[in-house]
Amino acid sequence: MTKESDTVPEFVVPSSPMDKVSWQQLMEKIVMPFNFDIPDSKAFEGRITSTSFLDTSLFLLRSESHAAERTEEDVQTQAENHCVVSFQLEGSLYLTQFGRRTKVKPGQFSIYTSDAPVRIEGSRNYHSLSAKIPLTRFSSRPEELHQFSATAYSADQGLAPAVQSFLRHLKVSNGSISGAARVGVSQHVVGMIEQMLRSQNDHRAHTETSADVLRERCLAYIESNLQNHDLSPQMIAEGAFISTRYLHQLFSQTDLTVARYIRKRRIERIREDLASPARALEPIEQIALRWGVQNVSYFGQVFKRIEGCTPAEFRRRALGQ
């Protein structure tokens, strides 16, 4: 006799026309809340089968082309955050998160997390096998998992083939796995997926997850983009493949915020140009604009507050005039 605790609900939607509301409600129930854009909602076809192992769930998804998006508002209303790892079986997927956009094709896998805005665009004949795991189950910090998001990885290298085969086997043999065994299965799924991510991105995991290395990478990015008027924390974070929140955490270990460091470096570069005899005839405004200053008048006030004199006075003293 099968105990009630040993049974696991299986959600199945037959391949038949569905409206946008029905599909949205189904995805919210099985995966997470999304806002959907379905080109032809009257003829939309989709199918999801799902099974759970403790707090880890597996689901097979088939659908026609559609887009799904989670906004900042959706993120704020989420009670528990998850990581979704998807193996692409048919069709293709465009995944956008943390400023990165990548195309995932059959034979590849990708991940995204629910604690940040994300956009998913599936093609016709979309078919994927996915695992949804609470972020709290990983030994890695969410910021470290963010580095893997919106990137296409080969499903034929490292542990990926074994993980995909294991997930397929679990999905097929779901009914024969007892309730007691499901706890161990869930632990193995989490451990294998986490190790798979590390092995697929070995170089990044061993060299770029270090706070010191990541901070140096951010500093180098700032140095290369000081002349860009649009340089911002978000741009720096995207360039370093980290979240903006983690970027601010990296700088919180120093004496300067991100914005103050950018301002400091710009003033230092402007001081160098003001003190250069080769640029003695170049207008101060032009020098300031070259180093990304947008408001030259306000910059003059900031410069005087920091240096104790105006840019023109600094130039005269530096050139001995």
C-alpha atoms as a PDB file:
ATOM      1  CA  MET A   1       0.000   0.000   0.000  1.00  0.00           C
ATOM      2  CA  THR A   2       1.386   3.417  -0.922  1.00  0.00           C
ATOM      3  CA  LYS A   3       1.493   5.968   1.849  1.00  0.00           C
ATOM      4  CA  GLU A   4       0.041   9.390   1.203  1.00  0.00           C
ATOM      5  CA  SER A   5       3.439  10.980   1.982  1.00  0.00           C
ATOM      6  CA  ASP A   6       5.043   8.840  -0.737  1.00  0.00           C
ATOM      7  CA  THR A   7       2.855  10.189  -3.489  1.00  0.00           C
ATOM      8  CA  VAL A   8       3.980  13.239  -5.406  1.00  0.00           C
ATOM      9  CA  PRO A   9       1.593  15.421  -7.392  1.00  0.00           C
ATOM     10  CA  GLU A  10       2.133  15.374 -11.127  1.00  0.00           C
ATOM     11  CA  PHE A  11       0.849  18.384 -13.011  1.00  0.00           C
ATOM     12  CA  VAL A  12       0.079  17.720 -16.661  1.00  0.00           C
ATOM     13  CA  VAL A  13      -1.320  20.069 -19.262  1.00  0.00           C
ATOM     14  CA  PRO A  14      -2.230  18.338 -22.550  1.00  0.00           C
ATOM     15  CA  SER A  15      -0.959  19.832 -25.770  1.00  0.00           C
ATOM     16  CA  SER A  16      -4.052  21.830 -26.630  1.00  0.00           C
ATOM     17  CA  PRO A  17      -4.872  25.502 -27.197  1.00  0.00           C
ATOM     18  CA  MET A  18      -4.497  27.566 -24.017  1.00  0.00           C
ATOM     19  CA  ASP A  19      -5.145  31.189 -23.280  1.00  0.00           C
ATOM     20  CA  LYS A  20      -2.548  33.485 -21.768  1.00  0.00           C
ATOM     21  CA  VAL A  21      -4.182  33.540 -18.331  1.00  0.00           C
ATOM     22  CA  SER A  22      -4.293  29.753 -18.037  1.00  0.00           C
ATOM     23  CA  TRP A  23      -0.648  29.384 -19.004  1.00  0.00           C
ATOM     24  CA  GLN A  24       0.397  32.159 -16.627  1.00  0.00           C
ATOM     25  CA  GLN A  25      -1.462  30.530 -13.733  1.00  0.00           C
ATOM     26  CA  LEU A  26       0.084  27.156 -14.494  1.00  0.00           C
ATOM     27  CA  MET A  27       3.620  28.539 -14.645  1.00  0.00           C
ATOM     28  CA  GLU A  28       3.103  30.417 -11.389  1.00  0.00           C
ATOM     29  CA  LYS A  29       1.961  27.193  -9.719  1.00  0.00           C
ATOM     30  CA  ILE A  30       4.809  25.009 -10.968  1.00  0.00           C
ATOM     31  CA  VAL A  31       7.726  27.349 -11.682  1.00  0.00           C
ATOM     32  CA  MET A  32       7.245  30.935 -10.420  1.00  0.00           C
ATOM     33  CA  PRO A  33       5.253  34.080 -11.298  1.00  0.00           C
ATOM     34  CA  PHE A  34       5.956  35.494 -14.763  1.00  0.00           C
ATOM     35  CA  ASN A  35       4.402  38.094 -17.022  1.00  0.00           C
ATOM     36  CA  PHE A  36       3.820  36.523 -20.432  1.00  0.00           C
ATOM     37  CA  ASP A  37       3.838  37.773 -23.987  1.00  0.00           C
ATOM     38  CA  ILE A  38       2.281  35.160 -26.290  1.00  0.00           C
ATOM     39  CA  PRO A  39       2.194  36.124 -30.008  1.00  0.00           C
ATOM     40  CA  ASP A  40      -0.782  33.904 -30.823  1.00  0.00           C
ATOM     41  CA  SER A  41      -2.516  33.159 -27.542  1.00  0.00           C
ATOM     42  CA  LYS A  42      -5.580  31.677 -29.279  1.00  0.00           C
ATOM     43  CA  ALA A  43      -3.536  28.843 -30.780  1.00  0.00           C
ATOM     44  CA  PHE A  44      -0.942  28.525 -28.026  1.00  0.00           C
ATOM     45  CA  GLU A  45       0.046  24.971 -27.105  1.00  0.00           C
ATOM     46  CA  GLY A  46       1.954  24.003 -23.994  1.00  0.00           C
ATOM     47  CA  ARG A  47       2.621  21.064 -21.727  1.00  0.00           C
ATOM     48  CA  ILE A  48       4.318  20.772 -18.338  1.00  0.00           C
ATOM     49  CA  THR A  49       4.938  17.719 -16.200  1.00  0.00           C
ATOM     50  CA  SER A  50       6.370  18.249 -12.740  1.00  0.00           C
ATOM     51  CA  THR A  51       7.515  16.149  -9.809  1.00  0.00           C
ATOM     52  CA  SER A  52       9.064  17.030  -6.445  1.00  0.00           C
ATOM     53  CA  PHE A  53      11.852  15.631  -4.303  1.00  0.00           C
ATOM     54  CA  LEU A  54      11.647  17.412  -0.955  1.00  0.00           C
ATOM     55  CA  ASP A  55      11.947  21.118  -1.862  1.00  0.00           C
ATOM     56  CA  THR A  56      13.599  20.378  -5.213  1.00  0.00           C
ATOM     57  CA  SER A  57      11.323  20.039  -8.232  1.00  0.00           C
ATOM     58  CA  LEU A  58      11.878  18.767 -11.761  1.00  0.00           C
ATOM     59  CA  PHE A  59       9.747  19.756 -14.709  1.00  0.00           C
ATOM     60  CA  LEU A  60       9.583  19.042 -18.422  1.00  0.00           C
ATOM     61  CA  LEU A  61       8.234  21.907 -20.477  1.00  0.00           C
ATOM     62  CA  ARG A  62       7.039  21.990 -24.087  1.00  0.00           C
ATOM     63  CA  SER A  63       5.539  25.078 -25.660  1.00  0.00           C
ATOM     64  CA  GLU A  64       5.171  27.253 -28.700  1.00  0.00           C
ATOM     65  CA  SER A  65       6.995  30.585 -28.937  1.00  0.00           C
ATOM     66  CA  HIS A  66       6.402  33.022 -26.087  1.00  0.00           C
ATOM     67  CA  ALA A  67       8.268  35.391 -23.790  1.00  0.00           C
ATOM     68  CA  ALA A  68       8.207  35.393 -19.985  1.00  0.00           C
ATOM     69  CA  GLU A  69       9.510  38.189 -17.798  1.00  0.00           C
ATOM     70  CA  ARG A  70       9.941  38.860 -14.086  1.00  0.00           C
ATOM     71  CA  THR A  71      10.173  42.489 -13.037  1.00  0.00           C
ATOM     72  CA  GLU A  72      11.637  44.074  -9.932  1.00  0.00           C
ATOM     73  CA  GLU A  73       8.118  44.184  -8.514  1.00  0.00           C
ATOM     74  CA  ASP A  74       7.759  40.422  -9.005  1.00  0.00           C
ATOM     75  CA  VAL A  75      11.077  39.875  -7.253  1.00  0.00           C
ATOM     76  CA  GLN A  76      10.035  41.933  -4.239  1.00  0.00           C
ATOM     77  CA  THR A  77       6.829  39.934  -3.760  1.00  0.00           C
ATOM     78  CA  GLN A  78       8.552  36.524  -3.906  1.00  0.00           C
ATOM     79  CA  ALA A  79       8.581  34.758  -0.517  1.00  0.00           C
ATOM     80  CA  GLU A  80      11.385  32.298  -1.352  1.00  0.00           C
ATOM     81  CA  ASN A  81      14.004  32.568  -4.072  1.00  0.00           C
ATOM     82  CA  HIS A  82      15.098  29.734  -6.337  1.00  0.00           C
ATOM     83  CA  CYS A  83      17.678  28.802  -8.928  1.00  0.00           C
ATOM     84  CA  VAL A  84      16.412  27.172 -12.124  1.00  0.00           C
ATOM     85  CA  VAL A  85      18.794  25.008 -14.156  1.00  0.00           C
ATOM     86  CA  SER A  86      17.467  24.151 -17.631  1.00  0.00           C
ATOM     87  CA  PHE A  87      18.774  21.665 -20.188  1.00  0.00           C
ATOM     88  CA  GLN A  88      17.670  22.666 -23.686  1.00  0.00           C
ATOM     89  CA  LEU A  89      16.311  19.617 -25.539  1.00  0.00           C
ATOM     90  CA  GLU A  90      14.663  21.200 -28.596  1.00  0.00           C
ATOM     91  CA  GLY A  91      14.138  24.692 -29.924  1.00  0.00           C
ATOM     92  CA  SER A  92      16.118  27.608 -28.557  1.00  0.00           C
ATOM     93  CA  LEU A  93      15.992  30.059 -25.687  1.00  0.00           C
ATOM     94  CA  TYR A  94      17.110  33.660 -25.234  1.00  0.00           C
ATOM     95  CA  LEU A  95      17.872  34.327 -21.572  1.00  0.00           C
ATOM     96  CA  THR A  96      18.502  37.823 -20.191  1.00  0.00           C
ATOM     97  CA  GLN A  97      19.595  38.602 -16.631  1.00  0.00           C
ATOM     98  CA  PHE A  98      22.139  40.858 -14.889  1.00  0.00           C
ATOM     99  CA  GLY A  99      22.691  42.751 -18.129  1.00  0.00           C
ATOM    100  CA  ARG A 100      23.706  39.625 -20.048  1.00  0.00           C
ATOM    101  CA  ARG A 101      21.716  38.077 -22.915  1.00  0.00           C
ATOM    102  CA  THR A 102      22.574  34.687 -24.324  1.00  0.00           C
ATOM    103  CA  LYS A 103      21.099  32.182 -26.750  1.00  0.00           C
ATOM    104  CA  VAL A 104      20.777  28.625 -25.454  1.00  0.00           C
ATOM    105  CA  LYS A 105      20.547  25.859 -28.062  1.00  0.00           C
ATOM    106  CA  PRO A 106      19.906  22.099 -27.851  1.00  0.00           C
ATOM    107  CA  GLY A 107      22.881  20.405 -26.233  1.00  0.00           C
ATOM    108  CA  GLN A 108      23.399  23.323 -23.849  1.00  0.00           C
ATOM    109  CA  PHE A 109      22.127  24.308 -20.425  1.00  0.00           C
ATOM    110  CA  SER A 110      21.693  27.584 -18.575  1.00  0.00           C
ATOM    111  CA  ILE A 111      20.551  28.917 -15.227  1.00  0.00           C
ATOM    112  CA  TYR A 112      18.673  31.895 -13.842  1.00  0.00           C
ATOM    113  CA  THR A 113      17.669  32.966 -10.338  1.00  0.00           C
ATOM    114  CA  SER A 114      14.387  34.385  -9.078  1.00  0.00           C
ATOM    115  CA  ASP A 115      15.961  37.082  -6.870  1.00  0.00           C
ATOM    116  CA  ALA A 116      16.591  39.446  -9.802  1.00  0.00           C
ATOM    117  CA  PRO A 117      14.651  40.540 -12.910  1.00  0.00           C
ATOM    118  CA  VAL A 118      14.877  38.047 -15.766  1.00  0.00           C
ATOM    119  CA  ARG A 119      13.475  37.667 -19.289  1.00  0.00           C
ATOM    120  CA  ILE A 120      13.046  34.361 -21.127  1.00  0.00           C
ATOM    121  CA  GLU A 121      12.182  34.075 -24.828  1.00  0.00           C
ATOM    122  CA  GLY A 122      11.371  30.584 -26.093  1.00  0.00           C
ATOM    123  CA  SER A 123      11.213  29.613 -29.752  1.00  0.00           C
ATOM    124  CA  ARG A 124       8.702  27.353 -31.505  1.00  0.00           C
ATOM    125  CA  ASN A 125       8.902  23.699 -30.451  1.00  0.00           C
ATOM    126  CA  TYR A 126      10.520  24.733 -27.188  1.00  0.00           C
ATOM    127  CA  HIS A 127      11.410  21.716 -25.021  1.00  0.00           C
ATOM    128  CA  SER A 128      13.496  21.724 -21.850  1.00  0.00           C
ATOM    129  CA  LEU A 129      14.211  19.687 -18.721  1.00  0.00           C
ATOM    130  CA  SER A 130      14.674  21.822 -15.625  1.00  0.00           C
ATOM    131  CA  ALA A 131      15.390  21.600 -11.910  1.00  0.00           C
ATOM    132  CA  LYS A 132      14.173  24.280  -9.490  1.00  0.00           C
ATOM    133  CA  ILE A 133      16.090  24.514  -6.223  1.00  0.00           C
ATOM    134  CA  PRO A 134      15.816  27.006  -3.326  1.00  0.00           C
ATOM    135  CA  LEU A 135      18.858  29.281  -3.193  1.00  0.00           C
ATOM    136  CA  THR A 136      19.258  28.396   0.476  1.00  0.00           C
ATOM    137  CA  ARG A 137      20.096  24.803  -0.464  1.00  0.00           C
ATOM    138  CA  PHE A 138      23.331  25.814  -2.199  1.00  0.00           C
ATOM    139  CA  SER A 139      26.584  26.198  -0.307  1.00  0.00           C
ATOM    140  CA  SER A 140      27.504  28.993  -2.747  1.00  0.00           C
ATOM    141  CA  ARG A 141      26.268  32.498  -2.010  1.00  0.00           C
ATOM    142  CA  PRO A 142      23.561  33.905  -4.299  1.00  0.00           C
ATOM    143  CA  GLU A 143      26.101  36.425  -5.654  1.00  0.00           C
ATOM    144  CA  GLU A 144      28.303  33.557  -6.790  1.00  0.00           C
ATOM    145  CA  LEU A 145      25.398  31.838  -8.532  1.00  0.00           C
ATOM    146  CA  HIS A 146      24.572  35.128 -10.258  1.00  0.00           C
ATOM    147  CA  GLN A 147      27.860  34.848 -12.144  1.00  0.00           C
ATOM    148  CA  PHE A 148      26.593  31.715 -13.889  1.00  0.00           C
ATOM    149  CA  SER A 149      23.250  33.204 -14.909  1.00  0.00           C
ATOM    150  CA  ALA A 150      22.361  34.020 -18.534  1.00  0.00           C
ATOM    151  CA  THR A 151      25.304  32.042 -19.927  1.00  0.00           C
ATOM    152  CA  ALA A 152      25.096  29.034 -22.249  1.00  0.00           C
ATOM    153  CA  TYR A 153      27.101  26.007 -21.113  1.00  0.00           C
ATOM    154  CA  SER A 154      27.809  22.782 -22.964  1.00  0.00           C
ATOM    155  CA  ALA A 155      25.732  19.843 -21.773  1.00  0.00           C
ATOM    156  CA  ASP A 156      28.344  17.458 -23.206  1.00  0.00           C
ATOM    157  CA  GLN A 157      31.254  18.408 -20.947  1.00  0.00           C
ATOM    158  CA  GLY A 158      32.228  17.812 -17.338  1.00  0.00           C
ATOM    159  CA  LEU A 159      29.445  16.556 -15.103  1.00  0.00           C
ATOM    160  CA  ALA A 160      26.663  17.936 -17.318  1.00  0.00           C
ATOM    161  CA  PRO A 161      25.951  14.658 -19.207  1.00  0.00           C
ATOM    162  CA  ALA A 162      25.711  12.727 -15.928  1.00  0.00           C
ATOM    163  CA  VAL A 163      23.465  15.357 -14.336  1.00  0.00           C
ATOM    164  CA  GLN A 164      21.122  15.469 -17.335  1.00  0.00           C
ATOM    165  CA  SER A 165      20.922  11.666 -17.455  1.00  0.00           C
ATOM    166  CA  PHE A 166      20.247  11.546 -13.699  1.00  0.00           C
ATOM    167  CA  LEU A 167      17.430  14.083 -13.953  1.00  0.00           C
ATOM    168  CA  ARG A 168      15.863  12.203 -16.866  1.00  0.00           C
ATOM    169  CA  HIS A 169      16.007   8.971 -14.877  1.00  0.00           C
ATOM    170  CA  LEU A 170      14.400  10.608 -11.844  1.00  0.00           C
ATOM    171  CA  LYS A 171      11.589  11.972 -13.991  1.00  0.00           C
ATOM    172  CA  VAL A 172      10.851   8.568 -15.530  1.00  0.00           C
ATOM    173  CA  SER A 173      11.158   6.498 -12.324  1.00  0.00           C
ATOM    174  CA  ASN A 174       9.402   9.034 -10.094  1.00  0.00           C
ATOM    175  CA  GLY A 175       6.606   6.659  -9.045  1.00  0.00           C
ATOM    176  CA  SER A 176       9.014   3.950  -7.814  1.00  0.00           C
ATOM    177  CA  ILE A 177      10.986   6.247  -5.462  1.00  0.00           C
ATOM    178  CA  SER A 178       9.845   6.113  -1.849  1.00  0.00           C
ATOM    179  CA  GLY A 179       9.282   9.128   0.351  1.00  0.00           C
ATOM    180  CA  ALA A 180      12.302   8.299   2.522  1.00  0.00           C
ATOM    181  CA  ALA A 181      14.564   8.082  -0.528  1.00  0.00           C
ATOM    182  CA  ARG A 182      13.409  11.462  -1.841  1.00  0.00           C
ATOM    183  CA  VAL A 183      15.365  13.322   0.840  1.00  0.00           C
ATOM    184  CA  GLY A 184      18.623  11.743  -0.290  1.00  0.00           C
ATOM    185  CA  VAL A 185      17.730  12.237  -3.935  1.00  0.00           C
ATOM    186  CA  SER A 186      17.177  15.950  -3.350  1.00  0.00           C
ATOM    187  CA  GLN A 187      20.560  16.285  -1.655  1.00  0.00           C
ATOM    188  CA  HIS A 188      22.281  14.502  -4.549  1.00  0.00           C
ATOM    189  CA  VAL A 189      20.549  16.697  -7.144  1.00  0.00           C
ATOM    190  CA  VAL A 190      21.677  19.891  -5.400  1.00  0.00           C
ATOM    191  CA  GLY A 191      25.232  18.636  -4.904  1.00  0.00           C
ATOM    192  CA  MET A 192      25.625  17.426  -8.478  1.00  0.00           C
ATOM    193  CA  ILE A 193      24.250  20.628  -9.987  1.00  0.00           C
ATOM    194  CA  GLU A 194      26.450  22.839  -7.847  1.00  0.00           C
ATOM    195  CA  GLN A 195      29.533  20.820  -8.749  1.00  0.00           C
ATOM    196  CA  MET A 196      28.500  20.830 -12.417  1.00  0.00           C
ATOM    197  CA  LEU A 197      28.406  24.624 -12.422  1.00  0.00           C
ATOM    198  CA  ARG A 198      31.823  24.835 -10.830  1.00  0.00           C
ATOM    199  CA  SER A 199      33.384  22.354 -13.245  1.00  0.00           C
ATOM    200  CA  GLN A 200      31.801  23.995 -16.314  1.00  0.00           C
ATOM    201  CA  ASN A 201      33.148  27.386 -15.313  1.00  0.00           C
ATOM    202  CA  ASP A 202      36.298  26.220 -13.585  1.00  0.00           C
ATOM    203  CA  HIS A 203      38.416  29.211 -14.499  1.00  0.00           C
ATOM    204  CA  ARG A 204      35.888  31.716 -13.253  1.00  0.00           C
ATOM    205  CA  ALA A 205      35.104  29.717 -10.135  1.00  0.00           C
ATOM    206  CA  HIS A 206      38.753  29.516  -9.096  1.00  0.00           C
ATOM    207  CA  THR A 207      39.998  32.938 -10.139  1.00  0.00           C
ATOM    208  CA  GLU A 208      37.114  35.362 -10.285  1.00  0.00           C
ATOM    209  CA  THR A 209      34.936  34.438  -7.318  1.00  0.00           C
ATOM    210  CA  SER A 210      37.653  35.728  -5.013  1.00  0.00           C
ATOM    211  CA  ALA A 211      36.571  39.124  -3.685  1.00  0.00           C
ATOM    212  CA  ASP A 212      40.040  40.570  -4.247  1.00  0.00           C
ATOM    213  CA  VAL A 213      40.197  39.347  -7.843  1.00  0.00           C
ATOM    214  CA  LEU A 214      36.676  40.572  -8.571  1.00  0.00           C
ATOM    215  CA  ARG A 215      37.458  43.965  -7.057  1.00  0.00           C
ATOM    216  CA  GLU A 216      40.564  44.263  -9.216  1.00  0.00           C
ATOM    217  CA  ARG A 217      38.513  43.358 -12.263  1.00  0.00           C
ATOM    218  CA  CYS A 218      36.013  46.101 -11.415  1.00  0.00           C
ATOM    219  CA  LEU A 219      38.803  48.639 -10.905  1.00  0.00           C
ATOM    220  CA  ALA A 220      40.285  47.722 -14.276  1.00  0.00           C
ATOM    221  CA  TYR A 221      36.891  48.145 -15.922  1.00  0.00           C
ATOM    222  CA  ILE A 222      36.475  51.579 -14.341  1.00  0.00           C
ATOM    223  CA  GLU A 223      39.944  52.596 -15.499  1.00  0.00           C
ATOM    224  CA  SER A 224      39.144  51.587 -19.062  1.00  0.00           C
ATOM    225  CA  ASN A 225      35.840  53.458 -19.072  1.00  0.00           C
ATOM    226  CA  LEU A 226      36.587  56.664 -17.161  1.00  0.00           C
ATOM    227  CA  GLN A 227      36.010  58.697 -20.315  1.00  0.00           C
ATOM    228  CA  ASN A 228      32.500  57.287 -20.728  1.00  0.00           C
ATOM    229  CA  HIS A 229      29.948  59.825 -19.470  1.00  0.00           C
ATOM    230  CA  ASP A 230      27.482  56.981 -18.826  1.00  0.00           C
ATOM    231  CA  LEU A 231      29.789  54.972 -16.557  1.00  0.00           C
ATOM    232  CA  SER A 232      27.647  53.703 -13.674  1.00  0.00           C
ATOM    233  CA  PRO A 233      27.629  50.961 -11.009  1.00  0.00           C
ATOM    234  CA  GLN A 234      25.244  48.906 -13.149  1.00  0.00           C
ATOM    235  CA  MET A 235      27.572  49.114 -16.162  1.00  0.00           C
ATOM    236  CA  ILE A 236      30.560  48.113 -14.019  1.00  0.00           C
ATOM    237  CA  ALA A 237      28.681  45.175 -12.473  1.00  0.00           C
ATOM    238  CA  GLU A 238      27.606  43.912 -15.886  1.00  0.00           C
ATOM    239  CA  GLY A 239      31.162  44.215 -17.167  1.00  0.00           C
ATOM    240  CA  ALA A 240      32.403  42.116 -14.241  1.00  0.00           C
ATOM    241  CA  PHE A 241      29.528  39.570 -14.493  1.00  0.00           C
ATOM    242  CA  ILE A 242      28.283  40.273 -10.973  1.00  0.00           C
ATOM    243  CA  SER A 243      25.201  41.909  -9.507  1.00  0.00           C
ATOM    244  CA  THR A 244      25.135  45.606  -8.641  1.00  0.00           C
ATOM    245  CA  ARG A 245      24.478  44.687  -5.027  1.00  0.00           C
ATOM    246  CA  TYR A 246      27.605  42.526  -4.902  1.00  0.00           C
ATOM    247  CA  LEU A 247      29.614  45.320  -6.533  1.00  0.00           C
ATOM    248  CA  HIS A 248      28.647  47.650  -3.691  1.00  0.00           C
ATOM    249  CA  GLN A 249      29.573  44.911  -1.196  1.00  0.00           C
ATOM    250  CA  LEU A 250      33.040  44.657  -2.737  1.00  0.00           C
ATOM    251  CA  PHE A 251      33.561  48.397  -2.379  1.00  0.00           C
ATOM    252  CA  SER A 252      32.127  48.436   1.146  1.00  0.00           C
ATOM    253  CA  GLN A 253      35.362  46.731   2.220  1.00  0.00           C
ATOM    254  CA  THR A 254      37.305  49.827   1.099  1.00  0.00           C
ATOM    255  CA  ASP A 255      37.178  53.459   2.171  1.00  0.00           C
ATOM    256  CA  LEU A 256      35.288  54.599  -0.935  1.00  0.00           C
ATOM    257  CA  THR A 257      31.931  53.917  -2.522  1.00  0.00           C
ATOM    258  CA  VAL A 258      31.795  53.103  -6.234  1.00  0.00           C
ATOM    259  CA  ALA A 259      30.701  56.633  -7.136  1.00  0.00           C
ATOM    260  CA  ARG A 260      33.384  58.267  -5.002  1.00  0.00           C
ATOM    261  CA  TYR A 261      36.081  56.045  -6.462  1.00  0.00           C
ATOM    262  CA  ILE A 262      35.044  56.998 -10.007  1.00  0.00           C
ATOM    263  CA  ARG A 263      35.095  60.681  -9.045  1.00  0.00           C
ATOM    264  CA  LYS A 264      38.493  60.288  -7.363  1.00  0.00           C
ATOM    265  CA  ARG A 265      40.049  58.672 -10.445  1.00  0.00           C
ATOM    266  CA  ARG A 266      38.578  61.278 -12.780  1.00  0.00           C
ATOM    267  CA  ILE A 267      39.960  64.121 -10.690  1.00  0.00           C
ATOM    268  CA  GLU A 268      43.372  62.452 -10.595  1.00  0.00           C
ATOM    269  CA  ARG A 269      43.425  62.100 -14.380  1.00  0.00           C
ATOM    270  CA  ILE A 270      42.275  65.701 -14.811  1.00  0.00           C
ATOM    271  CA  ARG A 271      45.015  66.882 -12.405  1.00  0.00           C
ATOM    272  CA  GLU A 272      47.590  65.042 -14.529  1.00  0.00           C
ATOM    273  CA  ASP A 273      46.386  66.813 -17.687  1.00  0.00           C
ATOM    274  CA  LEU A 274      46.228  70.214 -15.970  1.00  0.00           C
ATOM    275  CA  ALA A 275      49.834  69.798 -14.828  1.00  0.00           C
ATOM    276  CA  SER A 276      51.058  68.660 -18.250  1.00  0.00           C
ATOM    277  CA  PRO A 277      52.968  71.342 -20.254  1.00  0.00           C
ATOM    278  CA  ALA A 278      51.844  69.544 -23.413  1.00  0.00           C
ATOM    279  CA  ARG A 279      48.224  70.430 -22.559  1.00  0.00           C
ATOM    280  CA  ALA A 280      48.838  73.944 -21.266  1.00  0.00           C
ATOM    281  CA  LEU A 281      46.726  75.514 -24.006  1.00  0.00           C
ATOM    282  CA  GLU A 282      43.875  73.000 -23.872  1.00  0.00           C
ATOM    283  CA  PRO A 283      40.692  74.463 -22.335  1.00  0.00           C
ATOM    284  CA  ILE A 284      39.930  73.147 -18.856  1.00  0.00           C
ATOM    285  CA  GLU A 285      36.359  72.413 -19.884  1.00  0.00           C
ATOM    286  CA  GLN A 286      37.588  70.170 -22.689  1.00  0.00           C
ATOM    287  CA  ILE A 287      39.856  68.258 -20.289  1.00  0.00           C
ATOM    288  CA  ALA A 288      37.006  67.722 -17.855  1.00  0.00           C
ATOM    289  CA  LEU A 289      34.657  66.520 -20.582  1.00  0.00           C
ATOM    290  CA  ARG A 290      37.280  64.109 -21.910  1.00  0.00           C
ATOM    291  CA  TRP A 291      37.353  62.344 -18.533  1.00  0.00           C
ATOM    292  CA  GLY A 292      33.610  61.791 -18.335  1.00  0.00           C
ATOM    293  CA  VAL A 293      32.563  64.926 -16.438  1.00  0.00           C
ATOM    294  CA  GLN A 294      29.028  65.893 -17.433  1.00  0.00           C
ATOM    295  CA  ASN A 295      28.498  69.080 -15.400  1.00  0.00           C
ATOM    296  CA  VAL A 296      31.679  71.150 -15.722  1.00  0.00           C
ATOM    297  CA  SER A 297      30.411  73.924 -13.445  1.00  0.00           C
ATOM    298  CA  TYR A 298      29.591  71.524 -10.620  1.00  0.00           C
ATOM    299  CA  PHE A 299      32.886  69.730 -11.200  1.00  0.00           C
ATOM    300  CA  GLY A 300      34.725  73.007 -10.562  1.00  0.00           C
ATOM    301  CA  GLN A 301      33.041  73.277  -7.159  1.00  0.00           C
ATOM    302  CA  VAL A 302      33.935  69.675  -6.279  1.00  0.00           C
ATOM    303  CA  PHE A 303      37.526  70.178  -7.449  1.00  0.00           C
ATOM    304  CA  LYS A 304      37.924  73.291  -5.296  1.00  0.00           C
ATOM    305  CA  ARG A 305      36.475  71.533  -2.256  1.00  0.00           C
ATOM    306  CA  ILE A 306      38.952  68.668  -2.649  1.00  0.00           C
ATOM    307  CA  GLU A 307      42.067  70.520  -3.864  1.00  0.00           C
ATOM    308  CA  GLY A 308      41.522  73.833  -2.081  1.00  0.00           C
ATOM    309  CA  CYS A 309      41.712  75.813  -5.326  1.00  0.00           C
ATOM    310  CA  THR A 310      39.978  76.067  -8.689  1.00  0.00           C
ATOM    311  CA  PRO A 311      41.192  74.006 -11.672  1.00  0.00           C
ATOM    312  CA  ALA A 312      42.632  77.188 -13.242  1.00  0.00           C
ATOM    313  CA  GLU A 313      44.579  78.036 -10.071  1.00  0.00           C
ATOM    314  CA  PHE A 314      45.823  74.455  -9.832  1.00  0.00           C
ATOM    315  CA  ARG A 315      47.087  74.632 -13.429  1.00  0.00           C
ATOM    316  CA  ARG A 316      48.934  77.919 -12.848  1.00  0.00           C
ATOM    317  CA  ARG A 317      50.693  76.564  -9.744  1.00  0.00           C
ATOM    318  CA  ALA A 318      51.546  73.252 -11.410  1.00  0.00           C
ATOM    319  CA  LEU A 319      53.049  75.000 -14.444  1.00  0.00           C
ATOM    320  CA  GLY A 320      54.843  77.593 -12.315  1.00  0.00           C
ATOM    321  CA  GLN A 321      52.956  80.502 -13.800  1.00  0.00           C
END
